[in-house]
Amino acid sequence: MDAGERRYGPKECGSCRLWRPILEDARGPIGPCRLGVRMGDFPGTAPVCERYLARDAALPKQPATAPSRRPAPASSPLVRRPGTEPRAVESVRVPELDIPEEILSMTREEFAEAIREVLREESQHVALAPKWEGATMVLKPRDPQLQPKELPLDQLLHKVVMIRDRLRVLEQKINGHDKLSDAEKIDMQSYVTKCYGSLTTFNILFRDERDRFVGEKGAS
């Protein structure tokens, strides 16, 4: 059963705002507790603790404290080595993780999609057409006394692909924007399509046709 559709009772961690499902195993959706009451990932059917917080309740505000280095209290244990004076052991303060609310409010599907998008950006490889492998683009000034500029075509292709990927993200944000009307989305989408059309000049660099730009009316 999908984690977003599963219903938990008021005595189960799954109905607590501090628990978020991120994976699924034989027990069903599992995830961590923000407060670390239980260590690791556990199912939403686990019984609630005294820190239970309903889904519609506000998150407790934590006072901002600047990190400080304070001397150990008098009750701290003493460490002594042979031939040395005893010294107090300073306690180590573990900083609390400040997790943005937008991440805590993500569903399992939204979190998984964000991970997939990052992996696509990191691992995506677009191949250069064979005849351009090892080639260089030369920008030659009109004045012969000026030095020409050379740019490897594989670097140019990488920059073009980055522009294409940003345009795709822009398309997704426009289509998913809840405050834009359908007419506004279509109007803004037309400008993105025109950008694709302007970039069809670089289609000769791509080895695979599926990676190329497509402008208006399917012209490339």
C-alpha atoms as a PDB file:
ATOM      1  CA  MET A   1       0.000   0.000   0.000  1.00  0.00           C
ATOM      2  CA  ASP A   2       1.290   3.452  -0.822  1.00  0.00           C
ATOM      3  CA  ALA A   3       2.619   5.450   2.158  1.00  0.00           C
ATOM      4  CA  GLY A   4       0.578   8.497   1.150  1.00  0.00           C
ATOM      5  CA  GLU A   5      -2.667   6.453   1.188  1.00  0.00           C
ATOM      6  CA  ARG A   6      -2.016   4.400   4.297  1.00  0.00           C
ATOM      7  CA  ARG A   7      -3.997   5.376   7.372  1.00  0.00           C
ATOM      8  CA  TYR A   8      -2.559   5.094  10.861  1.00  0.00           C
ATOM      9  CA  GLY A   9      -4.297   5.321  14.202  1.00  0.00           C
ATOM     10  CA  PRO A  10      -3.608   7.974  16.864  1.00  0.00           C
ATOM     11  CA  LYS A  11      -1.533   5.465  18.833  1.00  0.00           C
ATOM     12  CA  GLU A  12       0.801   4.659  15.925  1.00  0.00           C
ATOM     13  CA  CYS A  13       3.917   6.567  14.882  1.00  0.00           C
ATOM     14  CA  GLY A  14       2.568   6.780  11.341  1.00  0.00           C
ATOM     15  CA  SER A  15       0.105   9.462  12.450  1.00  0.00           C
ATOM     16  CA  CYS A  16       2.846  11.514  14.152  1.00  0.00           C
ATOM     17  CA  ARG A  17       4.177  14.557  12.293  1.00  0.00           C
ATOM     18  CA  LEU A  18       7.722  13.787  13.373  1.00  0.00           C
ATOM     19  CA  TRP A  19       7.786  10.450  11.502  1.00  0.00           C
ATOM     20  CA  ARG A  20       8.283  10.398   7.715  1.00  0.00           C
ATOM     21  CA  PRO A  21       8.296   7.304   5.445  1.00  0.00           C
ATOM     22  CA  ILE A  22      11.236   7.185   3.045  1.00  0.00           C
ATOM     23  CA  LEU A  23      11.536   3.469   2.213  1.00  0.00           C
ATOM     24  CA  GLU A  24       9.425   0.322   2.280  1.00  0.00           C
ATOM     25  CA  ASP A  25      10.155  -3.237   3.321  1.00  0.00           C
ATOM     26  CA  ALA A  26       8.166  -6.321   4.348  1.00  0.00           C
ATOM     27  CA  ARG A  27       6.719  -4.369   7.290  1.00  0.00           C
ATOM     28  CA  GLY A  28       5.392  -1.640   4.987  1.00  0.00           C
ATOM     29  CA  PRO A  29       6.550   2.014   4.833  1.00  0.00           C
ATOM     30  CA  ILE A  30       9.478   2.739   7.150  1.00  0.00           C
ATOM     31  CA  GLY A  31      11.232   5.939   8.084  1.00  0.00           C
ATOM     32  CA  PRO A  32      13.043   7.846  10.860  1.00  0.00           C
ATOM     33  CA  CYS A  33      11.859   9.950  13.784  1.00  0.00           C
ATOM     34  CA  ARG A  34      13.023  13.549  13.621  1.00  0.00           C
ATOM     35  CA  LEU A  35      13.672  13.611  17.354  1.00  0.00           C
ATOM     36  CA  GLY A  36      15.566  10.324  17.288  1.00  0.00           C
ATOM     37  CA  VAL A  37      13.347   8.754  19.936  1.00  0.00           C
ATOM     38  CA  ARG A  38      13.872   5.475  18.071  1.00  0.00           C
ATOM     39  CA  MET A  39      17.091   4.931  16.184  1.00  0.00           C
ATOM     40  CA  GLY A  40      17.134   4.098  12.486  1.00  0.00           C
ATOM     41  CA  ASP A  41      14.115   3.502  10.250  1.00  0.00           C
ATOM     42  CA  PHE A  42      11.037   1.812  11.701  1.00  0.00           C
ATOM     43  CA  PRO A  43       7.464   1.136  10.494  1.00  0.00           C
ATOM     44  CA  GLY A  44       4.597   3.546  11.042  1.00  0.00           C
ATOM     45  CA  THR A  45       2.745   0.880  13.014  1.00  0.00           C
ATOM     46  CA  ALA A  46       5.160   1.314  15.941  1.00  0.00           C
ATOM     47  CA  PRO A  47       3.480   2.577  19.157  1.00  0.00           C
ATOM     48  CA  VAL A  48       3.721   6.298  19.849  1.00  0.00           C
ATOM     49  CA  CYS A  49       5.885   7.806  22.580  1.00  0.00           C
ATOM     50  CA  GLU A  50       5.395  10.791  24.888  1.00  0.00           C
ATOM     51  CA  ARG A  51       6.732  13.122  22.159  1.00  0.00           C
ATOM     52  CA  TYR A  52       3.834  12.325  19.804  1.00  0.00           C
ATOM     53  CA  LEU A  53       2.746  15.251  17.610  1.00  0.00           C
ATOM     54  CA  ALA A  54      -0.420  15.112  15.514  1.00  0.00           C
ATOM     55  CA  ARG A  55      -0.178  15.779  11.763  1.00  0.00           C
ATOM     56  CA  ASP A  56      -2.119  19.034  12.008  1.00  0.00           C
ATOM     57  CA  ALA A  57      -0.186  20.316  15.036  1.00  0.00           C
ATOM     58  CA  ALA A  58       2.497  22.995  14.702  1.00  0.00           C
ATOM     59  CA  LEU A  59       6.137  22.038  15.094  1.00  0.00           C
ATOM     60  CA  PRO A  60       7.591  23.160  18.446  1.00  0.00           C
ATOM     61  CA  LYS A  61       9.878  26.180  18.109  1.00  0.00           C
ATOM     62  CA  GLN A  62      13.400  25.634  19.290  1.00  0.00           C
ATOM     63  CA  PRO A  63      15.338  28.624  20.664  1.00  0.00           C
ATOM     64  CA  ALA A  64      18.368  29.522  18.568  1.00  0.00           C
ATOM     65  CA  THR A  65      21.533  29.045  20.590  1.00  0.00           C
ATOM     66  CA  ALA A  66      25.023  29.996  19.550  1.00  0.00           C
ATOM     67  CA  PRO A  67      27.621  27.257  19.981  1.00  0.00           C
ATOM     68  CA  SER A  68      29.729  27.877  23.031  1.00  0.00           C
ATOM     69  CA  ARG A  69      32.650  26.214  24.714  1.00  0.00           C
ATOM     70  CA  ARG A  70      32.092  26.006  28.442  1.00  0.00           C
ATOM     71  CA  PRO A  71      34.280  24.463  31.108  1.00  0.00           C
ATOM     72  CA  ALA A  72      33.213  21.077  32.375  1.00  0.00           C
ATOM     73  CA  PRO A  73      31.125  21.072  35.579  1.00  0.00           C
ATOM     74  CA  ALA A  74      32.683  20.122  38.870  1.00  0.00           C
ATOM     75  CA  SER A  75      30.978  16.744  38.724  1.00  0.00           C
ATOM     76  CA  SER A  76      32.752  15.777  35.480  1.00  0.00           C
ATOM     77  CA  PRO A  77      34.892  12.637  35.731  1.00  0.00           C
ATOM     78  CA  LEU A  78      38.614  13.165  36.054  1.00  0.00           C
ATOM     79  CA  VAL A  79      41.201  11.658  33.737  1.00  0.00           C
ATOM     80  CA  ARG A  80      44.660  11.089  35.078  1.00  0.00           C
ATOM     81  CA  ARG A  81      47.743   9.674  33.448  1.00  0.00           C
ATOM     82  CA  PRO A  82      50.833   8.563  35.319  1.00  0.00           C
ATOM     83  CA  GLY A  83      53.004  11.576  36.153  1.00  0.00           C
ATOM     84  CA  THR A  84      50.344  14.165  35.235  1.00  0.00           C
ATOM     85  CA  GLU A  85      47.793  16.226  37.100  1.00  0.00           C
ATOM     86  CA  PRO A  86      44.158  15.136  36.813  1.00  0.00           C
ATOM     87  CA  ARG A  87      42.006  17.148  34.379  1.00  0.00           C
ATOM     88  CA  ALA A  88      38.299  17.366  33.827  1.00  0.00           C
ATOM     89  CA  VAL A  89      36.808  15.819  30.708  1.00  0.00           C
ATOM     90  CA  GLU A  90      34.814  18.386  28.705  1.00  0.00           C
ATOM     91  CA  SER A  91      31.380  17.284  27.578  1.00  0.00           C
ATOM     92  CA  VAL A  92      30.807  17.257  23.832  1.00  0.00           C
ATOM     93  CA  ARG A  93      27.719  19.096  22.602  1.00  0.00           C
ATOM     94  CA  VAL A  94      26.177  17.434  19.543  1.00  0.00           C
ATOM     95  CA  PRO A  95      24.504  20.082  17.326  1.00  0.00           C
ATOM     96  CA  GLU A  96      20.874  19.474  16.388  1.00  0.00           C
ATOM     97  CA  LEU A  97      20.071  19.096  12.699  1.00  0.00           C
ATOM     98  CA  ASP A  98      18.075  22.025  11.330  1.00  0.00           C
ATOM     99  CA  ILE A  99      15.920  20.303   8.693  1.00  0.00           C
ATOM    100  CA  PRO A 100      13.870  22.689   6.493  1.00  0.00           C
ATOM    101  CA  GLU A 101      10.108  22.423   6.852  1.00  0.00           C
ATOM    102  CA  GLU A 102       9.713  21.899   3.084  1.00  0.00           C
ATOM    103  CA  ILE A 103      11.685  18.663   3.342  1.00  0.00           C
ATOM    104  CA  LEU A 104       9.780  17.456   6.409  1.00  0.00           C
ATOM    105  CA  SER A 105       6.468  18.041   4.652  1.00  0.00           C
ATOM    106  CA  MET A 106       7.469  16.010   1.550  1.00  0.00           C
ATOM    107  CA  THR A 107       5.598  12.820   0.784  1.00  0.00           C
ATOM    108  CA  ARG A 108       7.560   9.675   0.025  1.00  0.00           C
ATOM    109  CA  GLU A 109       6.884  10.105  -3.710  1.00  0.00           C
ATOM    110  CA  GLU A 110       8.068  13.749  -3.706  1.00  0.00           C
ATOM    111  CA  PHE A 111      11.222  12.813  -1.827  1.00  0.00           C
ATOM    112  CA  ALA A 112      11.934   9.923  -4.211  1.00  0.00           C
ATOM    113  CA  GLU A 113      11.374  12.167  -7.254  1.00  0.00           C
ATOM    114  CA  ALA A 114      13.804  14.753  -5.849  1.00  0.00           C
ATOM    115  CA  ILE A 115      16.424  12.019  -5.425  1.00  0.00           C
ATOM    116  CA  ARG A 116      15.827  10.770  -8.982  1.00  0.00           C
ATOM    117  CA  GLU A 117      16.201  14.308 -10.368  1.00  0.00           C
ATOM    118  CA  VAL A 118      19.541  14.769  -8.618  1.00  0.00           C
ATOM    119  CA  LEU A 119      20.756  11.387  -9.901  1.00  0.00           C
ATOM    120  CA  ARG A 120      19.712  12.302 -13.450  1.00  0.00           C
ATOM    121  CA  GLU A 121      21.685  15.542 -13.277  1.00  0.00           C
ATOM    122  CA  GLU A 122      24.758  13.761 -11.899  1.00  0.00           C
ATOM    123  CA  SER A 123      24.768  10.697 -14.153  1.00  0.00           C
ATOM    124  CA  GLN A 124      23.261  11.913 -17.414  1.00  0.00           C
ATOM    125  CA  HIS A 125      25.673  11.611 -20.352  1.00  0.00           C
ATOM    126  CA  VAL A 126      24.936  12.972 -23.803  1.00  0.00           C
ATOM    127  CA  ALA A 127      27.174  11.644 -26.592  1.00  0.00           C
ATOM    128  CA  LEU A 128      28.848  13.886 -29.150  1.00  0.00           C
ATOM    129  CA  ALA A 129      28.356  13.007 -32.824  1.00  0.00           C
ATOM    130  CA  PRO A 130      31.321  10.844 -34.021  1.00  0.00           C
ATOM    131  CA  LYS A 131      32.530  13.322 -36.632  1.00  0.00           C
ATOM    132  CA  TRP A 132      32.910  16.011 -33.962  1.00  0.00           C
ATOM    133  CA  GLU A 133      34.833  13.894 -31.435  1.00  0.00           C
ATOM    134  CA  GLY A 134      38.057  15.670 -30.561  1.00  0.00           C
ATOM    135  CA  ALA A 135      37.066  18.685 -32.684  1.00  0.00           C
ATOM    136  CA  THR A 136      37.539  22.311 -31.660  1.00  0.00           C
ATOM    137  CA  MET A 137      35.483  25.411 -32.364  1.00  0.00           C
ATOM    138  CA  VAL A 138      37.579  28.452 -33.304  1.00  0.00           C
ATOM    139  CA  LEU A 139      36.319  32.001 -32.752  1.00  0.00           C
ATOM    140  CA  LYS A 140      38.458  34.170 -35.018  1.00  0.00           C
ATOM    141  CA  PRO A 141      38.359  37.967 -34.600  1.00  0.00           C
ATOM    142  CA  ARG A 142      38.100  40.195 -37.669  1.00  0.00           C
ATOM    143  CA  ASP A 143      41.372  41.849 -36.659  1.00  0.00           C
ATOM    144  CA  PRO A 144      44.152  39.366 -37.606  1.00  0.00           C
ATOM    145  CA  GLN A 145      46.371  40.788 -34.872  1.00  0.00           C
ATOM    146  CA  LEU A 146      44.000  39.528 -32.200  1.00  0.00           C
ATOM    147  CA  GLN A 147      44.326  36.023 -30.799  1.00  0.00           C
ATOM    148  CA  PRO A 148      41.546  33.563 -31.803  1.00  0.00           C
ATOM    149  CA  LYS A 149      39.644  31.666 -29.121  1.00  0.00           C
ATOM    150  CA  GLU A 150      39.401  27.879 -29.234  1.00  0.00           C
ATOM    151  CA  LEU A 151      36.756  25.803 -27.461  1.00  0.00           C
ATOM    152  CA  PRO A 152      36.589  21.988 -27.512  1.00  0.00           C
ATOM    153  CA  LEU A 153      33.255  20.906 -28.934  1.00  0.00           C
ATOM    154  CA  ASP A 154      32.600  18.473 -26.104  1.00  0.00           C
ATOM    155  CA  GLN A 155      32.666  21.445 -23.695  1.00  0.00           C
ATOM    156  CA  LEU A 156      30.283  23.349 -25.936  1.00  0.00           C
ATOM    157  CA  LEU A 157      27.936  20.352 -26.010  1.00  0.00           C
ATOM    158  CA  HIS A 158      28.003  20.166 -22.215  1.00  0.00           C
ATOM    159  CA  LYS A 159      26.980  23.821 -21.917  1.00  0.00           C
ATOM    160  CA  VAL A 160      24.190  23.352 -24.470  1.00  0.00           C
ATOM    161  CA  VAL A 161      22.881  20.318 -22.552  1.00  0.00           C
ATOM    162  CA  MET A 162      22.881  22.330 -19.319  1.00  0.00           C
ATOM    163  CA  ILE A 163      20.703  24.982 -21.016  1.00  0.00           C
ATOM    164  CA  ARG A 164      18.348  22.270 -22.279  1.00  0.00           C
ATOM    165  CA  ASP A 165      18.006  20.708 -18.824  1.00  0.00           C
ATOM    166  CA  ARG A 166      17.271  24.077 -17.216  1.00  0.00           C
ATOM    167  CA  LEU A 167      14.569  24.717 -19.809  1.00  0.00           C
ATOM    168  CA  ARG A 168      12.990  21.349 -18.998  1.00  0.00           C
ATOM    169  CA  VAL A 169      12.952  22.194 -15.292  1.00  0.00           C
ATOM    170  CA  LEU A 170      11.369  25.562 -16.145  1.00  0.00           C
ATOM    171  CA  GLU A 171       8.678  23.735 -18.139  1.00  0.00           C
ATOM    172  CA  GLN A 172       7.885  21.488 -15.188  1.00  0.00           C
ATOM    173  CA  LYS A 173       7.635  24.423 -12.799  1.00  0.00           C
ATOM    174  CA  ILE A 174       5.340  26.311 -15.163  1.00  0.00           C
ATOM    175  CA  ASN A 175       3.044  23.318 -15.695  1.00  0.00           C
ATOM    176  CA  GLY A 176       2.903  22.556 -11.968  1.00  0.00           C
ATOM    177  CA  HIS A 177       2.400  26.145 -10.773  1.00  0.00           C
ATOM    178  CA  ASP A 178      -0.894  26.380  -8.899  1.00  0.00           C
ATOM    179  CA  LYS A 179      -1.269  30.154  -9.235  1.00  0.00           C
ATOM    180  CA  LEU A 180      -0.986  30.370 -13.027  1.00  0.00           C
ATOM    181  CA  SER A 181      -4.055  30.079 -15.220  1.00  0.00           C
ATOM    182  CA  ASP A 182      -4.097  27.697 -18.182  1.00  0.00           C
ATOM    183  CA  ALA A 183      -3.811  30.660 -20.563  1.00  0.00           C
ATOM    184  CA  GLU A 184      -0.751  31.985 -18.708  1.00  0.00           C
ATOM    185  CA  LYS A 185       0.877  28.541 -18.714  1.00  0.00           C
ATOM    186  CA  ILE A 186       0.327  28.194 -22.479  1.00  0.00           C
ATOM    187  CA  ASP A 187       1.723  31.682 -23.097  1.00  0.00           C
ATOM    188  CA  MET A 188       4.848  31.040 -21.022  1.00  0.00           C
ATOM    189  CA  GLN A 189       5.249  27.580 -22.532  1.00  0.00           C
ATOM    190  CA  SER A 190       5.310  29.139 -26.024  1.00  0.00           C
ATOM    191  CA  TYR A 191       8.397  31.161 -25.073  1.00  0.00           C
ATOM    192  CA  VAL A 192      10.162  28.005 -23.854  1.00  0.00           C
ATOM    193  CA  THR A 193       9.293  26.293 -27.153  1.00  0.00           C
ATOM    194  CA  LYS A 194      10.772  29.235 -29.056  1.00  0.00           C
ATOM    195  CA  CYS A 195      13.972  28.860 -27.021  1.00  0.00           C
ATOM    196  CA  TYR A 196      14.117  25.215 -28.099  1.00  0.00           C
ATOM    197  CA  GLY A 197      13.678  26.349 -31.704  1.00  0.00           C
ATOM    198  CA  SER A 198      16.573  28.808 -31.401  1.00  0.00           C
ATOM    199  CA  LEU A 199      18.814  26.032 -30.095  1.00  0.00           C
ATOM    200  CA  THR A 200      18.121  23.581 -32.951  1.00  0.00           C
ATOM    201  CA  THR A 201      21.304  24.937 -34.589  1.00  0.00           C
ATOM    202  CA  PHE A 202      23.273  22.815 -32.139  1.00  0.00           C
ATOM    203  CA  ASN A 203      21.492  19.577 -33.117  1.00  0.00           C
ATOM    204  CA  ILE A 204      24.437  18.668 -35.351  1.00  0.00           C
ATOM    205  CA  LEU A 205      26.499  18.098 -32.208  1.00  0.00           C
ATOM    206  CA  PHE A 206      24.274  15.346 -30.789  1.00  0.00           C
ATOM    207  CA  ARG A 207      24.925  11.725 -31.719  1.00  0.00           C
ATOM    208  CA  ASP A 208      21.473  10.495 -30.681  1.00  0.00           C
ATOM    209  CA  GLU A 209      18.404  12.052 -32.257  1.00  0.00           C
ATOM    210  CA  ARG A 210      16.423  11.743 -29.015  1.00  0.00           C
ATOM    211  CA  ASP A 211      18.765  14.288 -27.385  1.00  0.00           C
ATOM    212  CA  ARG A 212      18.188  16.982 -30.000  1.00  0.00           C
ATOM    213  CA  PHE A 213      16.084  20.115 -29.691  1.00  0.00           C
ATOM    214  CA  VAL A 214      12.607  20.336 -31.208  1.00  0.00           C
ATOM    215  CA  GLY A 215      11.053  23.721 -31.930  1.00  0.00           C
ATOM    216  CA  GLU A 216       7.588  24.756 -33.013  1.00  0.00           C
ATOM    217  CA  LYS A 217       5.596  22.424 -35.276  1.00  0.00           C
ATOM    218  CA  GLY A 218       8.134  19.679 -34.599  1.00  0.00           C
ATOM    219  CA  ALA A 219      10.818  21.389 -36.703  1.00  0.00           C
ATOM    220  CA  SER A 220      14.371  20.629 -35.623  1.00  0.00           C
END
